[in-house]
């Protein structure tokens, strides 16, 4: 990881709430919590991506979110990830998601920067272990 990621850095990602991101509640199609979590992870990943060295990526390790208001099918959502801590490979974000009316979610998200070659080796070992137990 390059050293230019700093506390206070933020990134915002916008999403149109399409049918594929919705669940049914009564007569309404609303933005689902699992898709909200995916959005907050994607926002943090995009925030880190330009700051990673070649051969690096990031993996999520922790999500704490309060989904406090519904968003209807067709509304737009803006998710902002703000860096609150950088500790070697660990990066922690405050997350806020809003639709065009109100705040819909707040929380924190933690990611670790990984070396893709080492991470792939670890996945290969795990895959081999699974194959041996089958």
N, C-alpha and C. Protein backbone atom coordinates (compact mmCIF):
# COMPACT_ATOMS: atom_id res chain seq x y z
N UNK A 1 0.85 -1.18 0.00
CA UNK A 1 0.00 0.00 0.00
C UNK A 1 0.89 1.23 0.00
N UNK A 2 0.53 2.16 -0.84
CA UNK A 2 1.26 3.42 -0.85
C UNK A 2 0.93 4.19 0.43
N UNK A 3 1.77 5.12 0.76
CA UNK A 3 1.60 5.84 2.03
C UNK A 3 0.71 7.07 1.91
N UNK A 4 0.05 7.27 0.76
CA UNK A 4 -0.72 8.50 0.59
C UNK A 4 -2.16 8.41 1.07
N UNK A 5 -2.58 7.29 1.64
CA UNK A 5 -3.93 7.25 2.21
C UNK A 5 -3.89 7.85 3.61
N UNK A 6 -4.80 8.74 3.86
CA UNK A 6 -4.78 9.50 5.11
C UNK A 6 -6.15 9.52 5.78
N UNK A 7 -6.12 9.63 7.09
CA UNK A 7 -7.36 9.83 7.82
C UNK A 7 -8.03 11.09 7.28
N UNK A 8 -9.34 11.01 7.08
CA UNK A 8 -10.09 12.13 6.54
C UNK A 8 -10.36 12.02 5.05
N UNK A 9 -9.58 11.18 4.34
CA UNK A 9 -9.85 10.95 2.92
C UNK A 9 -11.25 10.35 2.79
N UNK A 10 -11.99 10.77 1.77
CA UNK A 10 -13.32 10.19 1.59
C UNK A 10 -13.61 9.97 0.11
N UNK A 11 -14.56 9.11 -0.13
CA UNK A 11 -14.97 8.77 -1.48
C UNK A 11 -16.46 8.52 -1.45
N UNK A 12 -17.18 8.96 -2.47
CA UNK A 12 -18.62 8.77 -2.55
C UNK A 12 -18.96 8.01 -3.82
N UNK A 13 -19.84 7.04 -3.68
CA UNK A 13 -20.33 6.25 -4.80
C UNK A 13 -21.84 6.41 -4.86
N UNK A 14 -22.35 6.61 -6.07
CA UNK A 14 -23.79 6.80 -6.28
C UNK A 14 -24.38 5.55 -6.93
N UNK A 15 -25.59 5.20 -6.51
CA UNK A 15 -26.26 4.04 -7.10
C UNK A 15 -27.74 4.34 -7.25
N UNK A 16 -28.28 3.97 -8.40
CA UNK A 16 -29.72 4.00 -8.62
C UNK A 16 -30.28 2.70 -8.05
N UNK A 17 -31.30 2.79 -7.23
CA UNK A 17 -31.91 1.59 -6.64
C UNK A 17 -32.78 0.93 -7.70
N UNK A 18 -32.22 -0.09 -8.30
CA UNK A 18 -32.90 -0.87 -9.33
C UNK A 18 -33.57 -2.08 -8.70
N UNK A 19 -34.41 -2.72 -9.47
CA UNK A 19 -35.15 -3.90 -9.01
C UNK A 19 -34.23 -4.95 -8.39
N UNK A 20 -33.06 -5.17 -9.00
CA UNK A 20 -32.15 -6.23 -8.52
C UNK A 20 -31.60 -5.95 -7.13
N UNK A 21 -31.72 -4.71 -6.64
CA UNK A 21 -31.23 -4.35 -5.30
C UNK A 21 -32.35 -4.29 -4.26
N UNK A 22 -33.54 -4.76 -4.63
CA UNK A 22 -34.71 -4.55 -3.79
C UNK A 22 -35.26 -5.83 -3.18
N UNK A 23 -36.02 -5.61 -2.12
CA UNK A 23 -36.83 -6.63 -1.49
C UNK A 23 -38.24 -6.06 -1.34
N UNK A 24 -39.21 -6.93 -1.15
CA UNK A 24 -40.61 -6.50 -1.04
C UNK A 24 -41.00 -6.32 0.42
N UNK A 25 -41.61 -5.18 0.73
CA UNK A 25 -42.19 -4.94 2.05
C UNK A 25 -43.57 -4.35 1.83
N UNK A 26 -44.59 -5.16 2.09
CA UNK A 26 -45.95 -4.73 1.79
C UNK A 26 -46.09 -4.55 0.30
N UNK A 27 -46.58 -3.40 -0.11
CA UNK A 27 -46.76 -3.14 -1.54
C UNK A 27 -45.55 -2.43 -2.16
N UNK A 28 -44.48 -2.25 -1.37
CA UNK A 28 -43.33 -1.47 -1.84
C UNK A 28 -42.10 -2.33 -2.09
N UNK A 29 -41.33 -1.94 -3.10
CA UNK A 29 -40.01 -2.51 -3.37
C UNK A 29 -39.00 -1.53 -2.77
N UNK A 30 -38.17 -2.04 -1.84
CA UNK A 30 -37.21 -1.18 -1.15
C UNK A 30 -35.80 -1.75 -1.22
N UNK A 31 -34.83 -0.86 -1.09
CA UNK A 31 -33.41 -1.20 -1.10
C UNK A 31 -33.13 -2.17 0.05
N UNK A 32 -32.57 -3.33 -0.29
CA UNK A 32 -32.35 -4.36 0.74
C UNK A 32 -31.08 -4.08 1.54
N UNK A 33 -31.07 -4.55 2.77
CA UNK A 33 -29.90 -4.38 3.63
C UNK A 33 -28.67 -5.10 3.07
N UNK A 34 -28.78 -6.34 2.56
CA UNK A 34 -27.58 -6.96 1.98
C UNK A 34 -27.00 -6.15 0.82
N UNK A 35 -27.85 -5.54 0.01
CA UNK A 35 -27.34 -4.73 -1.10
C UNK A 35 -26.76 -3.40 -0.61
N UNK A 36 -27.27 -2.89 0.49
CA UNK A 36 -26.69 -1.71 1.12
C UNK A 36 -25.28 -2.03 1.61
N UNK A 37 -25.11 -3.19 2.25
CA UNK A 37 -23.79 -3.60 2.72
C UNK A 37 -22.83 -3.75 1.54
N UNK A 38 -23.30 -4.33 0.45
CA UNK A 38 -22.47 -4.45 -0.74
C UNK A 38 -22.05 -3.07 -1.24
N UNK A 39 -22.96 -2.12 -1.25
CA UNK A 39 -22.64 -0.77 -1.68
C UNK A 39 -21.58 -0.14 -0.79
N UNK A 40 -21.69 -0.30 0.50
CA UNK A 40 -20.70 0.32 1.38
C UNK A 40 -19.33 -0.34 1.19
N UNK A 41 -19.31 -1.65 0.96
CA UNK A 41 -18.03 -2.31 0.68
C UNK A 41 -17.43 -1.83 -0.63
N UNK A 42 -18.27 -1.72 -1.66
CA UNK A 42 -17.78 -1.24 -2.96
C UNK A 42 -17.25 0.19 -2.85
N UNK A 43 -17.89 1.01 -2.04
CA UNK A 43 -17.44 2.39 -1.86
C UNK A 43 -16.06 2.42 -1.22
N UNK A 44 -15.86 1.63 -0.17
CA UNK A 44 -14.55 1.58 0.49
C UNK A 44 -13.49 0.99 -0.44
N UNK A 45 -13.84 -0.03 -1.22
CA UNK A 45 -12.89 -0.61 -2.18
C UNK A 45 -12.46 0.42 -3.21
N UNK A 46 -13.42 1.19 -3.72
CA UNK A 46 -13.11 2.23 -4.70
C UNK A 46 -12.25 3.33 -4.08
N UNK A 47 -12.48 3.62 -2.80
CA UNK A 47 -11.68 4.63 -2.11
C UNK A 47 -10.22 4.19 -2.03
N UNK A 48 -9.99 2.91 -1.81
CA UNK A 48 -8.63 2.38 -1.66
C UNK A 48 -7.94 2.11 -2.99
N UNK A 49 -8.69 1.71 -4.00
CA UNK A 49 -8.11 1.19 -5.24
C UNK A 49 -6.99 2.06 -5.82
N UNK A 50 -7.16 3.38 -5.97
CA UNK A 50 -6.08 4.15 -6.57
C UNK A 50 -4.85 4.28 -5.69
N UNK A 51 -4.96 3.89 -4.44
CA UNK A 51 -3.85 4.02 -3.50
C UNK A 51 -3.10 2.71 -3.28
N UNK A 52 -3.53 1.67 -3.97
CA UNK A 52 -2.86 0.38 -3.83
C UNK A 52 -1.75 0.24 -4.87
N UNK A 53 -0.72 -0.46 -4.49
CA UNK A 53 0.37 -0.75 -5.41
C UNK A 53 -0.05 -1.87 -6.34
N UNK A 54 0.68 -2.01 -7.45
CA UNK A 54 0.43 -3.13 -8.35
C UNK A 54 0.54 -4.44 -7.57
N UNK A 55 -0.35 -5.37 -7.86
CA UNK A 55 -0.32 -6.65 -7.18
C UNK A 55 -0.98 -6.65 -5.82
N UNK A 56 -1.68 -5.57 -5.48
CA UNK A 56 -2.40 -5.51 -4.21
C UNK A 56 -3.89 -5.36 -4.45
N UNK A 57 -4.65 -5.77 -3.46
CA UNK A 57 -6.09 -5.56 -3.43
C UNK A 57 -6.47 -5.38 -1.97
N UNK A 58 -7.75 -5.31 -1.69
CA UNK A 58 -8.19 -5.23 -0.29
C UNK A 58 -9.32 -6.21 -0.06
N UNK A 59 -9.42 -6.67 1.17
CA UNK A 59 -10.49 -7.58 1.57
C UNK A 59 -11.20 -7.00 2.78
N UNK A 60 -12.52 -7.16 2.79
CA UNK A 60 -13.30 -6.70 3.92
C UNK A 60 -13.13 -7.66 5.09
N UNK A 61 -13.07 -7.10 6.30
CA UNK A 61 -12.92 -7.94 7.48
C UNK A 61 -13.99 -7.66 8.54
N UNK A 62 -14.65 -6.52 8.44
CA UNK A 62 -15.65 -6.18 9.46
C UNK A 62 -16.62 -5.15 8.90
N UNK A 63 -17.90 -5.34 9.18
CA UNK A 63 -18.93 -4.39 8.80
C UNK A 63 -19.86 -4.22 9.99
N UNK A 64 -20.08 -2.99 10.38
CA UNK A 64 -21.08 -2.66 11.40
C UNK A 64 -21.95 -1.57 10.79
N UNK A 65 -23.23 -1.87 10.62
CA UNK A 65 -24.10 -0.91 9.94
C UNK A 65 -25.46 -0.86 10.61
N UNK A 66 -26.01 0.33 10.69
CA UNK A 66 -27.38 0.54 11.12
C UNK A 66 -28.15 1.04 9.90
N UNK A 67 -29.05 0.21 9.40
CA UNK A 67 -29.89 0.58 8.26
C UNK A 67 -31.15 1.20 8.85
N UNK A 68 -31.21 2.54 8.86
CA UNK A 68 -32.19 3.26 9.67
C UNK A 68 -33.39 3.82 8.93
N UNK A 69 -33.36 3.77 7.60
CA UNK A 69 -34.50 4.30 6.85
C UNK A 69 -34.60 3.58 5.51
N UNK A 70 -35.83 3.36 5.02
CA UNK A 70 -36.00 2.67 3.74
C UNK A 70 -35.76 3.61 2.56
N UNK A 71 -35.40 3.01 1.45
CA UNK A 71 -35.24 3.73 0.18
C UNK A 71 -36.04 2.97 -0.87
N UNK A 72 -36.83 3.69 -1.61
CA UNK A 72 -37.72 3.06 -2.59
C UNK A 72 -37.03 2.78 -3.92
N UNK A 73 -37.54 1.78 -4.60
CA UNK A 73 -37.14 1.47 -5.96
C UNK A 73 -37.18 2.76 -6.78
N UNK A 74 -36.10 3.04 -7.52
CA UNK A 74 -36.03 4.22 -8.37
C UNK A 74 -35.34 5.42 -7.75
N UNK A 75 -35.16 5.41 -6.42
CA UNK A 75 -34.44 6.51 -5.79
C UNK A 75 -32.94 6.34 -6.03
N UNK A 76 -32.21 7.41 -5.81
CA UNK A 76 -30.74 7.37 -5.86
C UNK A 76 -30.20 7.32 -4.44
N UNK A 77 -29.07 6.62 -4.29
CA UNK A 77 -28.39 6.50 -3.00
C UNK A 77 -26.94 6.94 -3.20
N UNK A 78 -26.43 7.70 -2.23
CA UNK A 78 -25.03 8.11 -2.22
C UNK A 78 -24.41 7.54 -0.95
N UNK A 79 -23.34 6.79 -1.12
CA UNK A 79 -22.63 6.22 0.01
C UNK A 79 -21.25 6.87 0.09
N UNK A 80 -20.90 7.35 1.27
CA UNK A 80 -19.60 7.98 1.48
C UNK A 80 -18.81 7.18 2.50
N UNK A 81 -17.58 6.83 2.13
CA UNK A 81 -16.65 6.14 3.02
C UNK A 81 -15.53 7.11 3.36
N UNK A 82 -15.35 7.37 4.66
CA UNK A 82 -14.32 8.30 5.12
C UNK A 82 -13.31 7.55 5.98
N UNK A 83 -12.04 7.64 5.63
CA UNK A 83 -10.99 6.94 6.37
C UNK A 83 -10.87 7.55 7.77
N UNK A 84 -10.96 6.67 8.79
CA UNK A 84 -10.80 7.13 10.17
C UNK A 84 -9.54 6.58 10.82
N UNK A 85 -8.96 5.52 10.25
CA UNK A 85 -7.77 4.91 10.83
C UNK A 85 -6.98 4.18 9.75
N UNK A 86 -5.69 4.39 9.75
CA UNK A 86 -4.78 3.61 8.91
C UNK A 86 -3.73 3.02 9.85
N UNK A 87 -3.71 1.70 9.95
CA UNK A 87 -2.77 0.99 10.82
C UNK A 87 -2.11 -0.11 10.00
N UNK A 88 -0.96 0.24 9.41
CA UNK A 88 -0.25 -0.64 8.49
C UNK A 88 -1.17 -1.06 7.36
N UNK A 89 -1.58 -2.33 7.29
CA UNK A 89 -2.43 -2.81 6.20
C UNK A 89 -3.92 -2.64 6.50
N UNK A 90 -4.27 -2.29 7.71
CA UNK A 90 -5.67 -2.15 8.14
C UNK A 90 -6.15 -0.72 7.92
N UNK A 91 -7.32 -0.61 7.26
CA UNK A 91 -7.91 0.70 7.01
C UNK A 91 -9.36 0.64 7.48
N UNK A 92 -9.74 1.59 8.32
CA UNK A 92 -11.10 1.65 8.87
C UNK A 92 -11.80 2.88 8.30
N UNK A 93 -13.06 2.69 7.94
CA UNK A 93 -13.87 3.75 7.35
C UNK A 93 -15.12 4.00 8.19
N UNK A 94 -15.53 5.26 8.30
CA UNK A 94 -16.89 5.61 8.71
C UNK A 94 -17.70 5.61 7.43
N UNK A 95 -18.91 5.11 7.52
CA UNK A 95 -19.78 5.00 6.35
C UNK A 95 -21.07 5.77 6.61
N UNK A 96 -21.51 6.51 5.60
CA UNK A 96 -22.83 7.13 5.64
C UNK A 96 -23.47 6.94 4.28
N UNK A 97 -24.72 6.49 4.29
CA UNK A 97 -25.48 6.37 3.04
C UNK A 97 -26.72 7.25 3.16
N UNK A 98 -27.01 7.96 2.07
CA UNK A 98 -28.16 8.86 2.02
C UNK A 98 -28.92 8.62 0.74
N UNK A 99 -30.22 8.79 0.80
CA UNK A 99 -30.98 8.89 -0.44
C UNK A 99 -31.30 10.36 -0.63
N UNK A 100 -32.16 10.69 -1.57
CA UNK A 100 -32.43 12.10 -1.83
C UNK A 100 -33.32 12.76 -0.77
N UNK A 101 -33.73 11.98 0.24
CA UNK A 101 -34.58 12.52 1.31
C UNK A 101 -33.85 12.57 2.66
N UNK A 102 -33.11 11.50 2.98
CA UNK A 102 -32.57 11.38 4.35
C UNK A 102 -31.39 10.42 4.41
N UNK A 103 -30.74 10.41 5.59
CA UNK A 103 -29.71 9.42 5.87
C UNK A 103 -30.40 8.07 6.03
N UNK A 104 -29.88 7.06 5.33
CA UNK A 104 -30.49 5.73 5.41
C UNK A 104 -29.64 4.72 6.17
N UNK A 105 -28.34 5.03 6.33
CA UNK A 105 -27.47 4.10 7.05
C UNK A 105 -26.22 4.80 7.53
N UNK A 106 -25.72 4.33 8.67
CA UNK A 106 -24.43 4.76 9.19
C UNK A 106 -23.71 3.53 9.71
N UNK A 107 -22.39 3.62 9.78
CA UNK A 107 -21.65 2.49 10.33
C UNK A 107 -20.16 2.63 10.10
N UNK A 108 -19.48 1.49 10.28
CA UNK A 108 -18.05 1.41 10.06
C UNK A 108 -17.75 0.19 9.21
N UNK A 109 -16.62 0.27 8.53
CA UNK A 109 -16.17 -0.85 7.69
C UNK A 109 -14.66 -0.91 7.77
N UNK A 110 -14.15 -2.14 7.93
CA UNK A 110 -12.71 -2.35 8.03
C UNK A 110 -12.24 -3.21 6.87
N UNK A 111 -11.13 -2.81 6.27
CA UNK A 111 -10.54 -3.56 5.16
C UNK A 111 -9.06 -3.76 5.44
N UNK A 112 -8.52 -4.84 4.88
CA UNK A 112 -7.09 -5.09 4.95
C UNK A 112 -6.53 -5.12 3.54
N UNK A 113 -5.39 -4.50 3.36
CA UNK A 113 -4.69 -4.54 2.08
C UNK A 113 -3.93 -5.86 2.03
N UNK A 114 -4.08 -6.57 0.91
CA UNK A 114 -3.44 -7.88 0.75
C UNK A 114 -2.58 -7.89 -0.51
N UNK A 115 -1.53 -8.69 -0.44
CA UNK A 115 -0.71 -8.98 -1.60
C UNK A 115 -1.42 -10.09 -2.37
N UNK A 116 -1.76 -9.85 -3.62
CA UNK A 116 -2.56 -10.81 -4.38
C UNK A 116 -1.88 -12.16 -4.57
N UNK A 117 -0.56 -12.17 -4.78
CA UNK A 117 0.13 -13.46 -4.94
C UNK A 117 0.03 -14.28 -3.66
N UNK A 118 0.30 -13.68 -2.52
CA UNK A 118 0.22 -14.42 -1.25
C UNK A 118 -1.22 -14.84 -0.95
N UNK A 119 -2.16 -13.96 -1.24
CA UNK A 119 -3.56 -14.28 -1.00
C UNK A 119 -4.01 -15.43 -1.90
N UNK A 120 -3.59 -15.41 -3.16
CA UNK A 120 -3.92 -16.50 -4.08
C UNK A 120 -3.31 -17.82 -3.62
N UNK A 121 -2.08 -17.77 -3.10
CA UNK A 121 -1.45 -18.99 -2.56
C UNK A 121 -2.28 -19.55 -1.42
N UNK A 122 -2.76 -18.68 -0.56
CA UNK A 122 -3.59 -19.11 0.58
C UNK A 122 -4.90 -19.74 0.10
N UNK A 123 -5.50 -19.14 -0.92
CA UNK A 123 -6.73 -19.70 -1.48
C UNK A 123 -6.48 -21.05 -2.14
N UNK A 124 -5.35 -21.19 -2.81
CA UNK A 124 -5.00 -22.46 -3.44
C UNK A 124 -4.83 -23.55 -2.40
N UNK A 125 -4.19 -23.22 -1.28
CA UNK A 125 -4.03 -24.19 -0.19
C UNK A 125 -5.39 -24.62 0.35
N UNK A 126 -6.26 -23.68 0.53
CA UNK A 126 -7.59 -23.99 1.05
C UNK A 126 -8.37 -24.84 0.05
N UNK A 127 -8.28 -24.50 -1.22
CA UNK A 127 -8.95 -25.28 -2.26
C UNK A 127 -8.44 -26.72 -2.28
N UNK A 128 -7.14 -26.88 -2.13
CA UNK A 128 -6.54 -28.21 -2.09
C UNK A 128 -7.04 -28.99 -0.87
N UNK A 129 -7.14 -28.34 0.27
CA UNK A 129 -7.63 -29.00 1.48
C UNK A 129 -9.07 -29.44 1.31
N UNK A 130 -9.88 -28.63 0.65
CA UNK A 130 -11.27 -28.99 0.40
C UNK A 130 -11.33 -30.21 -0.50
N UNK A 131 -10.52 -30.22 -1.55
CA UNK A 131 -10.50 -31.34 -2.49
C UNK A 131 -10.09 -32.64 -1.80
N UNK A 132 -9.21 -32.53 -0.81
CA UNK A 132 -8.76 -33.74 -0.10
C UNK A 132 -9.83 -34.31 0.81
N UNK A 133 -10.75 -33.46 1.28
CA UNK A 133 -11.81 -33.93 2.17
C UNK A 133 -13.04 -34.43 1.41
N UNK A 134 -13.07 -34.15 0.11
CA UNK A 134 -14.26 -34.54 -0.67
C UNK A 134 -14.23 -36.00 -1.09
